[in-house]
């Protein structure tokens, strides 16, 4: 596959595994896993040839490391970013570092400063340990703005944090009192 085809396949895979498995008639378990065999077969039914080798390349080369295979490469899932209510991802609670970051667009800063960070239609609010990552995320929707999250204080006040396999920090909500504007 060329770079453009890989990018298209990766975006389609992200959409299907995070939001709409039914578009490819996939059976997804509660942890977000789908059969690789079923995925490849159903991709081909949509006139999009995708080989197992292509899928391995997408998983390995995805710059956000969004996908993972199970131990024997028979199942695949997105690591976070899901909007599917039935999922019960198998994250373990973990103590966060002192500070985390959240990148967003300057267009929504006023709302966030009043309401805190909400997960919207996703299962969790996504946070990062690096400002560069937060800036890249925020820049996807316009001029970026980075919030500093007082993660350790949140944790000490009873908020639960998780860390996905690709390093994205997850929590249910970030109340205003734990937000700092940079």
Protein backbone atom coordinates (compact mmCIF):
# COMPACT_ATOMS: atom_id res chain seq x y z
CA UNK A 1 0.00 0.00 0.00
CA UNK A 2 1.16 3.53 -0.64
CA UNK A 3 1.18 6.22 2.06
CA UNK A 4 -2.17 7.65 1.02
CA UNK A 5 -3.85 4.23 1.12
CA UNK A 6 -2.34 3.51 4.53
CA UNK A 7 -3.60 6.86 5.83
CA UNK A 8 -7.10 6.18 4.49
CA UNK A 9 -7.14 2.65 5.92
CA UNK A 10 -5.89 3.91 9.29
CA UNK A 11 -8.61 6.57 9.48
CA UNK A 12 -11.26 4.02 8.53
CA UNK A 13 -9.92 1.57 11.08
CA UNK A 14 -9.94 4.27 13.76
CA UNK A 15 -13.54 5.18 13.01
CA UNK A 16 -14.73 1.58 12.93
CA UNK A 17 -12.89 0.41 16.06
CA UNK A 18 -13.67 3.51 18.14
CA UNK A 19 -17.16 4.49 17.05
CA UNK A 20 -18.96 2.26 14.55
CA UNK A 21 -18.06 -1.45 14.28
CA UNK A 22 -21.46 -2.02 12.71
CA UNK A 23 -20.37 -0.19 9.54
CA UNK A 24 -18.24 -3.24 8.74
CA UNK A 25 -20.62 -5.70 10.44
CA UNK A 26 -18.03 -6.50 13.10
CA UNK A 27 -18.70 -8.27 16.36
CA UNK A 28 -16.94 -6.38 19.14
CA UNK A 29 -16.54 -7.68 22.68
CA UNK A 30 -16.80 -5.50 25.80
CA UNK A 31 -13.06 -4.77 25.76
CA UNK A 32 -13.21 -3.49 22.16
CA UNK A 33 -11.62 -6.51 20.49
CA UNK A 34 -12.71 -7.66 17.03
CA UNK A 35 -11.58 -10.62 14.97
CA UNK A 36 -8.75 -9.76 12.55
CA UNK A 37 -10.09 -12.34 10.11
CA UNK A 38 -13.58 -10.80 10.21
CA UNK A 39 -12.16 -7.29 9.88
CA UNK A 40 -10.09 -8.13 6.80
CA UNK A 41 -12.96 -10.01 5.16
CA UNK A 42 -15.42 -7.18 5.77
CA UNK A 43 -12.94 -4.54 4.59
CA UNK A 44 -12.68 -6.42 1.29
CA UNK A 45 -16.49 -6.53 0.99
CA UNK A 46 -16.40 -2.71 1.02
CA UNK A 47 -14.05 -2.76 -2.00
CA UNK A 48 -11.06 -1.88 0.10
CA UNK A 49 -8.40 -4.56 -0.10
CA UNK A 50 -6.48 -4.80 3.15
CA UNK A 51 -4.04 -7.62 3.81
CA UNK A 52 -2.86 -8.86 7.17
CA UNK A 53 0.56 -7.38 6.36
CA UNK A 54 -1.07 -4.00 5.68
CA UNK A 55 -2.85 -4.21 9.02
CA UNK A 56 0.40 -5.04 10.82
CA UNK A 57 2.02 -2.02 9.15
CA UNK A 58 -0.85 0.27 10.19
CA UNK A 59 -0.65 -0.89 13.81
CA UNK A 60 3.14 -0.57 13.92
CA UNK A 61 3.45 2.72 12.03
CA UNK A 62 0.45 4.67 13.35
CA UNK A 63 2.00 7.82 14.78
CA UNK A 64 -0.49 7.89 17.65
CA UNK A 65 -0.18 4.16 18.37
CA UNK A 66 -3.98 3.92 18.43
CA UNK A 67 -4.28 0.18 17.79
CA UNK A 68 -3.11 -3.06 19.34
CA UNK A 69 -3.23 -6.74 18.55
CA UNK A 70 -3.81 -9.42 21.15
CA UNK A 71 -0.96 -11.84 21.93
CA UNK A 72 -1.53 -14.12 18.92
CA UNK A 73 -2.58 -11.37 16.46
CA UNK A 74 -6.06 -12.84 16.00
CA UNK A 75 -7.83 -9.79 17.46
CA UNK A 76 -7.37 -6.03 17.17
CA UNK A 77 -8.75 -3.01 19.02
CA UNK A 78 -8.36 0.74 19.38
CA UNK A 79 -6.63 1.63 22.63
CA UNK A 80 -8.78 4.64 23.58
CA UNK A 81 -11.07 7.31 22.17
CA UNK A 82 -14.17 5.15 22.06
CA UNK A 83 -17.68 6.53 22.00
CA UNK A 84 -19.32 3.11 22.39
CA UNK A 85 -21.29 2.98 25.63
CA UNK A 86 -21.20 -0.82 26.00
CA UNK A 87 -17.41 -1.00 26.24
CA UNK A 88 -15.72 -1.83 29.52
CA UNK A 89 -12.07 -1.32 28.70
CA UNK A 90 -9.71 -3.25 30.94
CA UNK A 91 -7.65 -0.32 32.21
CA UNK A 92 -6.24 -0.48 35.72
CA UNK A 93 -6.35 2.63 37.90
CA UNK A 94 -2.93 4.22 38.27
CA UNK A 95 -1.49 7.19 40.13
CA UNK A 96 -0.76 10.02 37.69
CA UNK A 97 2.24 12.31 37.62
CA UNK A 98 2.05 15.72 39.27
CA UNK A 99 1.07 17.48 36.03
CA UNK A 100 -0.65 16.39 32.80
CA UNK A 101 -1.72 18.45 29.79
CA UNK A 102 -4.76 18.80 27.58
CA UNK A 103 -4.68 20.42 24.18
CA UNK A 104 -7.78 22.02 22.73
CA UNK A 105 -8.79 24.83 20.40
CA UNK A 106 -8.83 28.42 21.62
CA UNK A 107 -12.49 28.49 20.54
CA UNK A 108 -13.58 26.38 23.53
CA UNK A 109 -11.30 27.74 26.27
CA UNK A 110 -13.99 29.93 27.86
CA UNK A 111 -16.42 27.00 28.15
CA UNK A 112 -13.76 24.73 29.64
CA UNK A 113 -12.74 27.40 32.15
CA UNK A 114 -16.38 27.50 33.34
CA UNK A 115 -17.29 23.79 33.17
CA UNK A 116 -14.00 21.90 33.32
CA UNK A 117 -12.97 19.24 30.85
CA UNK A 118 -15.77 16.84 29.95
CA UNK A 119 -15.51 13.62 28.03
CA UNK A 120 -18.29 14.69 25.66
CA UNK A 121 -19.23 11.65 23.55
CA UNK A 122 -16.09 9.71 24.48
CA UNK A 123 -15.57 7.38 27.40
CA UNK A 124 -12.80 9.50 28.94
CA UNK A 125 -11.03 12.84 28.83
CA UNK A 126 -7.64 12.38 27.15
CA UNK A 127 -4.52 13.87 28.73
CA UNK A 128 -0.83 13.72 27.89
CA UNK A 129 2.46 14.01 29.72
CA UNK A 130 4.04 16.18 27.02
CA UNK A 131 3.10 19.69 25.99
CA UNK A 132 4.05 18.92 22.36
CA UNK A 133 1.46 16.15 22.21
CA UNK A 134 -1.18 18.42 23.74
CA UNK A 135 -0.31 21.15 21.24
CA UNK A 136 -0.66 18.74 18.31
CA UNK A 137 -4.03 17.53 19.59
CA UNK A 138 -5.28 21.08 20.14
CA UNK A 139 -4.07 22.14 16.70
CA UNK A 140 -6.35 19.66 14.94
CA UNK A 141 -9.31 21.99 15.48
CA UNK A 142 -7.78 25.43 15.04
CA UNK A 143 -5.32 27.49 17.02
CA UNK A 144 -4.16 25.29 19.91
CA UNK A 145 -4.46 26.08 23.59
CA UNK A 146 -2.88 23.96 26.32
CA UNK A 147 -4.33 23.46 29.78
CA UNK A 148 -2.12 22.23 32.60
CA UNK A 149 -3.93 19.64 34.71
CA UNK A 150 -3.10 19.31 38.42
CA UNK A 151 -3.38 15.56 38.10
CA UNK A 152 -1.77 14.55 41.39
CA UNK A 153 -4.11 16.88 43.32
CA UNK A 154 -7.08 15.43 41.44
CA UNK A 155 -5.92 11.93 42.35
CA UNK A 156 -5.48 12.91 46.00
CA UNK A 157 -9.06 14.23 45.90
CA UNK A 158 -10.46 10.88 44.78
CA UNK A 159 -10.39 11.13 40.97
CA UNK A 160 -9.40 7.97 39.10
CA UNK A 161 -6.81 7.92 36.33
CA UNK A 162 -5.89 5.27 33.79
CA UNK A 163 -3.06 5.05 31.30
CA UNK A 164 -3.59 3.32 27.98
CA UNK A 165 -0.90 1.18 26.40
CA UNK A 166 0.14 4.03 24.10
CA UNK A 167 0.70 6.48 26.96
CA UNK A 168 -2.54 8.47 26.83
CA UNK A 169 -3.82 9.36 30.29
CA UNK A 170 -7.57 8.98 30.84
CA UNK A 171 -10.01 10.29 33.42
CA UNK A 172 -13.76 10.90 33.60
CA UNK A 173 -13.76 14.67 34.10
CA UNK A 174 -11.38 17.45 35.05
CA UNK A 175 -13.11 19.95 37.35
CA UNK A 176 -12.25 23.62 36.94
CA UNK A 177 -10.27 23.81 40.18
CA UNK A 178 -7.66 21.42 38.73
CA UNK A 179 -7.14 23.40 35.50
CA UNK A 180 -4.42 25.95 34.95
CA UNK A 181 -4.23 28.05 31.81
CA UNK A 182 -0.78 28.31 30.26
